[in-house]
């Protein structure tokens, strides 16, 4: 894992390979400037004529059209496409109102033939920014001198006439649409570095001050993209490795605990009054005893429970309890509401210390206290024949010369 992390860090710090290095004394191209097409290549990218034909790019016998350039969202032409062929032009409509449907630009040449350019303001190339009011599209004008109209559904707004020099590439059209009037201005884009300046294959770069301008061609590659992808890959690999280590560790610890549990056999705890009597960890139950032995049994159980537990004794005020060793121990008057006593015992159990055990003395109404303390551990002493409510009978206690006797 450490080796993977080190490799990812070193890779992220290494310089990107293949990144262009400016020649000393030569200004670096502006950010976002596209790479020029290779002169003489049929498609400008070295793919050959077959690849261009399959992609819908223009060839010698098939000039570009609106469909070849991409309708709808103003898709960019293929890298290196001659934007001068058949009046290729980049259109920007600066509109101060939203269209009822969508804006399109309609060119009409001297023969009356119309060419429609789809426009978009969705931030999808060639549009630079979504929702900035500049609608951009790429299409063909159909001639050097054309009339221009901005269409919004069935409604058209005339924008005048646009004229470009014959055979001059990198044509652009800027249209200002304000209210119900539109004005069109023919312009030329700046060729990308290395592109021919007199026609032939080339690309269009943004015109200075054009606002929302863009470059038609292949976008510049990001030299850091490969490094970023590799860093993400190594990070994912590191996370997967750490997860595997945690999973294996959990399985190993679980197996060790399982073996330990299988090796340990618990020894039953001794009963409170010796063998055969209920232990301190059993649920609250009734210990039945002769009335003459009831007070002695309460004292005995209180002493046994307080050895390793905190003890809460519920008894009538007249019942005398001896001092207890261990504990600590508390006393609750049986005349108090059971629910209030239960909340006090619950708060005591939440504090750090030995486990809490309860002891209900004779005279306590077990029908009222039993359900409230049923979830606790301890003992409830009741005289023979007395009511025990819903508490189970844990033991019947007697006494002889040898000591306490237990019957369960």
Protein backbone atom coordinates (compact mmCIF):
# COMPACT_ATOMS: atom_id res chain seq x y z
CA UNK A 1 0.00 0.00 0.00
CA UNK A 2 2.83 2.41 0.83
CA UNK A 3 4.47 1.66 -2.53
CA UNK A 4 1.23 2.43 -4.40
CA UNK A 5 0.78 5.71 -2.54
CA UNK A 6 4.39 6.72 -3.24
CA UNK A 7 4.02 5.88 -6.94
CA UNK A 8 0.84 7.94 -7.24
CA UNK A 9 2.47 10.92 -5.52
CA UNK A 10 5.61 10.79 -7.69
CA UNK A 11 3.53 10.41 -10.84
CA UNK A 12 1.42 13.42 -9.94
CA UNK A 13 4.57 15.49 -9.36
CA UNK A 14 6.27 14.46 -12.61
CA UNK A 15 6.10 16.88 -15.56
CA UNK A 16 3.51 16.05 -18.20
CA UNK A 17 5.00 14.29 -21.26
CA UNK A 18 4.07 15.47 -24.68
CA UNK A 19 3.21 19.01 -23.54
CA UNK A 20 4.37 21.67 -26.05
CA UNK A 21 7.34 23.74 -24.95
CA UNK A 22 7.48 27.29 -26.36
CA UNK A 23 10.64 28.21 -28.24
CA UNK A 24 12.57 30.92 -26.47
CA UNK A 25 11.72 34.29 -27.94
CA UNK A 26 8.47 33.09 -29.49
CA UNK A 27 5.25 34.16 -27.78
CA UNK A 28 3.11 31.26 -26.61
CA UNK A 29 -0.26 30.94 -28.35
CA UNK A 30 -3.24 32.32 -26.45
CA UNK A 31 -5.11 29.93 -24.19
CA UNK A 32 -7.82 28.07 -26.13
CA UNK A 33 -6.14 28.60 -29.55
CA UNK A 34 -6.64 25.41 -31.61
CA UNK A 35 -3.82 23.43 -33.16
CA UNK A 36 -3.65 24.20 -36.91
CA UNK A 37 -4.39 21.53 -39.48
CA UNK A 38 -1.50 19.90 -41.32
CA UNK A 39 -1.24 21.41 -44.82
CA UNK A 40 -1.80 19.04 -47.69
CA UNK A 41 -3.63 16.37 -45.69
CA UNK A 42 -7.07 15.57 -47.13
CA UNK A 43 -8.73 16.01 -43.77
CA UNK A 44 -6.10 18.12 -42.13
CA UNK A 45 -5.52 15.52 -39.44
CA UNK A 46 -3.69 12.74 -41.25
CA UNK A 47 -6.64 10.36 -41.28
CA UNK A 48 -6.98 10.12 -45.05
CA UNK A 49 -9.93 10.75 -47.38
CA UNK A 50 -11.89 7.66 -46.32
CA UNK A 51 -12.07 8.76 -42.70
CA UNK A 52 -13.14 12.26 -43.76
CA UNK A 53 -15.87 10.88 -45.95
CA UNK A 54 -17.15 8.64 -43.17
CA UNK A 55 -17.25 11.60 -40.79
CA UNK A 56 -19.25 13.74 -43.21
CA UNK A 57 -16.41 16.20 -43.89
CA UNK A 58 -16.25 17.87 -47.32
CA UNK A 59 -14.31 16.23 -50.15
CA UNK A 60 -13.46 17.35 -53.66
CA UNK A 61 -16.82 16.21 -55.01
CA UNK A 62 -18.91 17.05 -51.98
CA UNK A 63 -18.80 20.61 -50.59
CA UNK A 64 -19.85 21.22 -47.01
CA UNK A 65 -23.49 21.79 -46.20
CA UNK A 66 -25.46 22.76 -43.13
CA UNK A 67 -26.10 19.05 -42.48
CA UNK A 68 -22.43 18.14 -42.88
CA UNK A 69 -21.44 20.84 -40.43
CA UNK A 70 -24.04 19.65 -37.94
CA UNK A 71 -27.53 20.99 -37.43
CA UNK A 72 -29.28 21.63 -34.13
CA UNK A 73 -26.76 22.68 -31.51
CA UNK A 74 -24.18 24.21 -33.83
CA UNK A 75 -21.76 21.28 -34.00
CA UNK A 76 -18.24 22.19 -35.09
CA UNK A 77 -16.91 21.29 -38.56
CA UNK A 78 -14.19 18.68 -38.89
CA UNK A 79 -10.70 19.80 -37.95
CA UNK A 80 -9.08 21.73 -40.77
CA UNK A 81 -12.28 22.15 -42.86
CA UNK A 82 -12.10 25.01 -45.38
CA UNK A 83 -14.62 27.54 -44.05
CA UNK A 84 -14.51 29.46 -47.36
CA UNK A 85 -16.09 26.65 -49.40
CA UNK A 86 -19.62 27.55 -50.50
CA UNK A 87 -19.54 30.62 -48.26
CA UNK A 88 -18.76 28.88 -44.95
CA UNK A 89 -19.38 31.37 -42.12
CA UNK A 90 -19.51 31.62 -38.33
CA UNK A 91 -22.66 33.42 -37.16
CA UNK A 92 -23.20 35.23 -33.86
CA UNK A 93 -26.54 36.84 -33.04
CA UNK A 94 -26.47 39.19 -30.05
CA UNK A 95 -30.10 39.20 -28.87
CA UNK A 96 -31.59 41.21 -26.02
CA UNK A 97 -34.75 39.07 -25.83
CA UNK A 98 -35.39 35.33 -25.62
CA UNK A 99 -36.95 33.67 -28.68
CA UNK A 100 -40.42 32.16 -28.58
CA UNK A 101 -38.99 29.01 -30.17
CA UNK A 102 -35.32 29.20 -31.18
CA UNK A 103 -33.30 31.59 -33.32
CA UNK A 104 -32.04 30.63 -36.79
CA UNK A 105 -30.18 32.71 -39.36
CA UNK A 106 -31.44 32.70 -42.99
CA UNK A 107 -29.11 33.64 -45.87
CA UNK A 108 -30.61 34.39 -49.31
CA UNK A 109 -28.18 34.62 -52.25
CA UNK A 110 -28.58 36.46 -55.55
CA UNK A 111 -30.42 33.48 -57.11
CA UNK A 112 -32.97 33.48 -54.30
CA UNK A 113 -31.64 30.25 -52.73
CA UNK A 114 -31.92 30.16 -48.94
CA UNK A 115 -29.41 28.66 -46.50
CA UNK A 116 -30.47 28.18 -42.88
CA UNK A 117 -27.98 28.18 -40.01
CA UNK A 118 -29.17 26.72 -36.72
CA UNK A 119 -28.14 28.81 -33.67
CA UNK A 120 -27.64 27.81 -30.04
CA UNK A 121 -27.10 29.54 -26.69
CA UNK A 122 -26.71 26.30 -24.69
CA UNK A 123 -22.98 26.55 -24.06
CA UNK A 124 -22.33 23.64 -26.47
CA UNK A 125 -19.54 24.31 -29.00
CA UNK A 126 -19.38 26.46 -30.99
CA UNK A 127 -21.37 28.46 -28.38
CA UNK A 128 -18.96 29.55 -25.66
CA UNK A 129 -21.27 30.33 -22.71
CA UNK A 130 -24.77 29.17 -21.92
CA UNK A 131 -27.48 31.80 -21.54
CA UNK A 132 -25.30 34.85 -22.32
CA UNK A 133 -27.66 36.08 -25.08
CA UNK A 134 -25.17 35.32 -27.86
CA UNK A 135 -26.58 32.71 -30.25
CA UNK A 136 -23.86 30.99 -32.25
CA UNK A 137 -23.92 28.68 -35.26
CA UNK A 138 -21.80 27.49 -38.17
CA UNK A 139 -23.15 27.12 -41.70
CA UNK A 140 -22.90 28.23 -45.31
CA UNK A 141 -23.91 31.61 -46.70
CA UNK A 142 -24.37 30.38 -50.29
CA UNK A 143 -22.52 33.30 -51.85
CA UNK A 144 -20.28 36.31 -51.35
CA UNK A 145 -23.18 38.80 -51.19
CA UNK A 146 -26.33 37.67 -49.39
CA UNK A 147 -29.32 39.13 -47.61
CA UNK A 148 -29.69 38.22 -43.95
CA UNK A 149 -32.72 37.62 -41.73
CA UNK A 150 -33.09 36.36 -38.14
CA UNK A 151 -35.92 33.85 -37.79
CA UNK A 152 -37.83 32.98 -34.62
CA UNK A 153 -40.25 30.25 -35.59
CA UNK A 154 -42.38 31.66 -38.45
CA UNK A 155 -41.34 35.25 -37.73
CA UNK A 156 -38.42 36.79 -39.61
CA UNK A 157 -36.58 40.04 -38.84
CA UNK A 158 -34.58 41.44 -41.81
CA UNK A 159 -30.98 42.29 -40.92
CA UNK A 160 -29.75 43.83 -44.19
CA UNK A 161 -27.08 42.64 -46.60
CA UNK A 162 -23.73 41.02 -45.86
CA UNK A 163 -20.82 40.99 -48.31
CA UNK A 164 -17.43 39.26 -48.15
CA UNK A 165 -14.45 39.29 -50.48
CA UNK A 166 -14.48 36.44 -52.95
CA UNK A 167 -12.46 33.41 -51.86
CA UNK A 168 -11.38 35.02 -48.60
CA UNK A 169 -11.66 32.50 -45.75
CA UNK A 170 -12.51 32.83 -42.06
CA UNK A 171 -15.82 34.58 -42.64
CA UNK A 172 -17.93 35.73 -39.73
CA UNK A 173 -21.26 37.49 -39.35
CA UNK A 174 -22.15 39.61 -36.32
CA UNK A 175 -25.88 40.39 -35.93
CA UNK A 176 -27.36 42.81 -33.36
CA UNK A 177 -30.98 41.97 -32.61
CA UNK A 178 -32.70 44.65 -30.54
CA UNK A 179 -36.45 44.50 -30.15
CA UNK A 180 -37.90 44.18 -33.65
CA UNK A 181 -34.85 45.37 -35.62
CA UNK A 182 -31.66 43.56 -36.60
CA UNK A 183 -28.38 44.75 -38.13
CA UNK A 184 -25.85 42.39 -39.75
CA UNK A 185 -22.12 43.13 -40.10
CA UNK A 186 -19.78 40.96 -42.17
CA UNK A 187 -16.38 40.32 -40.63
CA UNK A 188 -13.41 37.99 -40.74
CA UNK A 189 -11.97 35.84 -37.99
CA UNK A 190 -8.28 35.62 -37.13
CA UNK A 191 -6.63 32.49 -38.56
CA UNK A 192 -5.08 30.17 -36.01
CA UNK A 193 -1.25 30.11 -35.95
CA UNK A 194 0.03 28.10 -38.91
CA UNK A 195 -3.25 28.24 -40.87
CA UNK A 196 -3.03 29.44 -44.52
CA UNK A 197 -4.01 33.07 -45.03
CA UNK A 198 -5.14 32.91 -48.63
CA UNK A 199 -7.77 30.20 -48.77
CA UNK A 200 -7.44 26.44 -48.82
CA UNK A 201 -7.73 24.26 -45.75
CA UNK A 202 -7.72 26.23 -42.53
CA UNK A 203 -9.64 27.00 -39.36
CA UNK A 204 -11.44 29.93 -37.82
CA UNK A 205 -10.21 31.50 -34.60
CA UNK A 206 -12.18 34.06 -32.54
CA UNK A 207 -12.39 37.58 -33.85
CA UNK A 208 -10.99 40.21 -31.55
CA UNK A 209 -13.69 41.67 -29.32
CA UNK A 210 -16.27 39.31 -30.81
CA UNK A 211 -17.74 38.33 -27.46
CA UNK A 212 -18.70 34.71 -27.12
CA UNK A 213 -16.17 33.83 -29.82
CA UNK A 214 -14.79 30.36 -30.37
CA UNK A 215 -12.36 28.39 -32.49
CA UNK A 216 -13.56 25.84 -35.03
CA UNK A 217 -11.32 22.78 -35.05
CA UNK A 218 -9.90 20.29 -32.59
CA UNK A 219 -9.81 21.69 -29.01
CA UNK A 220 -6.39 21.95 -27.41
CA UNK A 221 -5.34 18.93 -25.43
CA UNK A 222 -4.80 19.23 -21.70
CA UNK A 223 -1.32 17.97 -20.81
CA UNK A 224 -2.43 17.37 -17.23
CA UNK A 225 -5.39 15.12 -18.15
CA UNK A 226 -3.30 11.95 -18.27
CA UNK A 227 -1.69 12.74 -14.94
CA UNK A 228 -5.06 13.38 -13.34
CA UNK A 229 -6.53 10.13 -14.64
CA UNK A 230 -3.51 8.18 -13.43
CA UNK A 231 -3.76 9.82 -10.01
CA UNK A 232 -7.44 8.88 -9.74
CA UNK A 233 -6.61 5.31 -10.77
CA UNK A 234 -3.86 4.95 -8.16
CA UNK A 235 -6.09 6.50 -5.47
CA UNK A 236 -8.89 4.03 -6.28
CA UNK A 237 -6.37 1.19 -6.23
CA UNK A 238 -5.10 2.36 -2.85
CA UNK A 239 -8.62 2.55 -1.39
CA UNK A 240 -9.37 -0.95 -2.69
CA UNK A 241 -6.17 -2.28 -1.14
CA UNK A 242 -6.88 -0.69 2.24
CA UNK A 243 -10.43 -2.08 2.16
CA UNK A 244 -9.04 -5.54 1.49
CA UNK A 245 -6.63 -5.21 4.43
CA UNK A 246 -9.46 -4.13 6.75
CA UNK A 247 -11.64 -7.00 5.57
CA UNK A 248 -8.90 -9.57 6.11
CA UNK A 249 -8.13 -8.13 9.55
CA UNK A 250 -11.79 -8.30 10.53
CA UNK A 251 -12.02 -11.93 9.44
CA UNK A 252 -8.86 -12.85 11.35
CA UNK A 253 -10.03 -11.12 14.55
CA UNK A 254 -13.47 -12.71 14.20
CA UNK A 255 -11.99 -16.20 13.85
CA UNK A 256 -9.75 -15.67 16.87
CA UNK A 257 -12.71 -14.54 18.96
CA UNK A 258 -14.72 -17.52 17.75
CA UNK A 259 -11.93 -19.91 18.76
CA UNK A 260 -11.61 -18.16 22.13
CA UNK A 261 -15.36 -18.42 22.73
CA UNK A 262 -15.30 -22.09 21.84
CA UNK A 263 -12.45 -22.66 24.31
CA UNK A 264 -14.12 -20.90 27.25
CA UNK A 265 -16.83 -22.82 29.10
CA UNK A 266 -18.66 -20.60 31.66
CA UNK A 267 -18.88 -21.84 35.24
CA UNK A 268 -22.31 -21.36 36.81
CA UNK A 269 -22.42 -18.61 39.44
CA UNK A 270 -23.08 -19.73 43.01
CA UNK A 271 -26.57 -19.09 44.32
CA UNK A 272 -27.14 -16.31 46.82
CA UNK A 273 -27.89 -18.81 49.57
CA UNK A 274 -25.61 -21.59 48.37
CA UNK A 275 -25.99 -24.44 45.90
CA UNK A 276 -29.48 -24.78 44.40
CA UNK A 277 -30.56 -21.22 45.23
CA UNK A 278 -31.17 -18.50 42.58
CA UNK A 279 -28.10 -16.44 41.64
CA UNK A 280 -27.69 -12.65 41.54
CA UNK A 281 -27.98 -12.49 37.75
CA UNK A 282 -31.37 -14.17 37.46
CA UNK A 283 -34.48 -12.13 36.61
CA UNK A 284 -36.49 -10.68 39.46
CA UNK A 285 -38.55 -13.43 41.13
CA UNK A 286 -40.45 -14.06 44.36
CA UNK A 287 -38.71 -15.83 47.26
CA UNK A 288 -41.43 -17.33 49.45
CA UNK A 289 -40.65 -17.67 53.13
CA UNK A 290 -42.42 -18.14 56.46
CA UNK A 291 -43.33 -14.76 58.01
CA UNK A 292 -41.15 -15.52 61.04
CA UNK A 293 -38.07 -15.81 58.78
CA UNK A 294 -38.87 -12.93 56.41
CA UNK A 295 -36.82 -10.20 58.11
CA UNK A 296 -33.78 -12.48 58.51
CA UNK A 297 -33.99 -13.52 54.85
CA UNK A 298 -34.07 -9.88 53.71
CA UNK A 299 -30.95 -9.08 55.78
CA UNK A 300 -29.15 -12.16 54.41
CA UNK A 301 -29.99 -11.40 50.77
CA UNK A 302 -29.05 -7.73 51.16
CA UNK A 303 -25.65 -8.71 52.55
CA UNK A 304 -24.99 -11.29 49.79
CA UNK A 305 -26.06 -8.95 46.99
CA UNK A 306 -23.99 -6.00 48.26
CA UNK A 307 -20.76 -8.03 48.12
CA UNK A 308 -20.29 -7.41 44.38
CA UNK A 309 -23.22 -5.18 43.42
CA UNK A 310 -24.86 -1.87 44.09
CA UNK A 311 -28.11 -2.64 45.90
CA UNK A 312 -31.43 -0.80 46.03
CA UNK A 313 -33.76 -2.07 48.80
CA UNK A 314 -37.48 -1.23 48.58
CA UNK A 315 -39.01 -1.60 52.06
CA UNK A 316 -41.55 -0.11 54.40
CA UNK A 317 -40.18 2.52 56.82
CA UNK A 318 -40.67 0.27 59.86
CA UNK A 319 -38.41 -2.50 58.49
CA UNK A 320 -34.98 -2.31 60.10
CA UNK A 321 -32.01 -3.19 57.90
CA UNK A 322 -28.49 -3.95 59.19
CA UNK A 323 -25.42 -2.08 58.01
CA UNK A 324 -24.12 -3.65 54.80
CA UNK A 325 -20.53 -4.32 53.82
CA UNK A 326 -19.65 -3.64 50.19
CA UNK A 327 -22.28 -2.00 48.05
CA UNK A 328 -22.93 0.85 48.10
CA UNK A 329 -26.61 0.31 48.98
CA UNK A 330 -29.67 2.59 48.93
CA UNK A 331 -33.15 2.39 50.37
CA UNK A 332 -36.47 3.44 48.75
CA UNK A 333 -39.65 3.90 50.74
CA UNK A 334 -42.29 1.44 49.53
CA UNK A 335 -44.88 4.23 49.79
CA UNK A 336 -43.31 6.10 46.86
CA UNK A 337 -44.78 5.72 43.33
CA UNK A 338 -43.15 2.74 41.60
CA UNK A 339 -42.54 4.67 38.38
CA UNK A 340 -40.58 7.40 40.16
CA UNK A 341 -38.47 4.76 41.89
CA UNK A 342 -37.89 2.99 38.58
CA UNK A 343 -36.55 6.22 37.02
CA UNK A 344 -34.19 6.68 39.94
CA UNK A 345 -32.87 3.13 39.60
CA UNK A 346 -32.44 3.57 35.83
CA UNK A 347 -30.42 6.76 36.37
CA UNK A 348 -28.26 4.93 38.91
CA UNK A 349 -27.65 2.06 36.47
CA UNK A 350 -26.36 4.51 33.84
CA UNK A 351 -23.59 5.66 36.17
CA UNK A 352 -20.29 3.85 36.19
CA UNK A 353 -19.92 1.19 38.85
CA UNK A 354 -20.84 -2.39 39.72
CA UNK A 355 -24.13 -3.80 38.41
CA UNK A 356 -27.33 -2.66 40.14
CA UNK A 357 -29.56 -5.24 41.88
CA UNK A 358 -32.93 -4.63 43.55
CA UNK A 359 -34.37 -6.26 46.66
CA UNK A 360 -38.09 -5.96 47.46
CA UNK A 361 -38.83 -6.58 51.15
CA UNK A 362 -42.03 -8.12 52.57
CA UNK A 363 -44.91 -5.69 52.74
CA UNK A 364 -44.18 -4.22 49.27
CA UNK A 365 -47.14 -4.42 46.90
CA UNK A 366 -45.62 -6.81 44.34
CA UNK A 367 -48.64 -6.42 42.04
CA UNK A 368 -47.66 -2.73 41.61
CA UNK A 369 -43.86 -2.91 41.88
CA UNK A 370 -43.28 -6.20 40.09
CA UNK A 371 -44.20 -5.06 36.55
CA UNK A 372 -42.14 -1.88 36.93
CA UNK A 373 -39.00 -3.74 38.06
CA UNK A 374 -39.60 -6.90 36.00
CA UNK A 375 -36.66 -6.16 33.66
CA UNK A 376 -34.19 -5.80 36.57
CA UNK A 377 -32.16 -8.42 38.40
CA UNK A 378 -32.54 -9.22 42.08
CA UNK A 379 -35.03 -10.78 44.50
CA UNK A 380 -38.46 -10.08 45.96
CA UNK A 381 -39.13 -11.57 49.40
CA UNK A 382 -42.75 -12.51 50.03
CA UNK A 383 -44.36 -14.43 52.83
CA UNK A 384 -46.06 -17.75 52.18
CA UNK A 385 -49.60 -17.14 51.02
CA UNK A 386 -48.89 -13.51 50.09
CA UNK A 387 -49.64 -12.08 46.69
CA UNK A 388 -46.73 -12.04 44.26
CA UNK A 389 -48.53 -10.40 41.34
CA UNK A 390 -47.08 -11.42 38.00
CA UNK A 391 -43.64 -12.27 39.36
CA UNK A 392 -42.48 -15.86 38.91
CA UNK A 393 -41.69 -17.87 42.07
CA UNK A 394 -37.92 -18.19 42.20
CA UNK A 395 -37.62 -20.35 45.33
CA UNK A 396 -39.30 -21.51 48.56
CA UNK A 397 -37.00 -20.84 51.49
CA UNK A 398 -36.90 -22.54 54.87
CA UNK A 399 -34.38 -23.01 57.66
CA UNK A 400 -33.06 -25.87 59.75
CA UNK A 401 -30.11 -26.49 62.05
CA UNK A 402 -27.68 -26.55 59.13
CA UNK A 403 -28.88 -23.27 57.62
CA UNK A 404 -31.17 -22.13 54.81
CA UNK A 405 -33.02 -24.71 52.77
CA UNK A 406 -34.07 -24.08 49.16
CA UNK A 407 -36.81 -25.70 47.17
CA UNK A 408 -37.29 -24.59 43.55
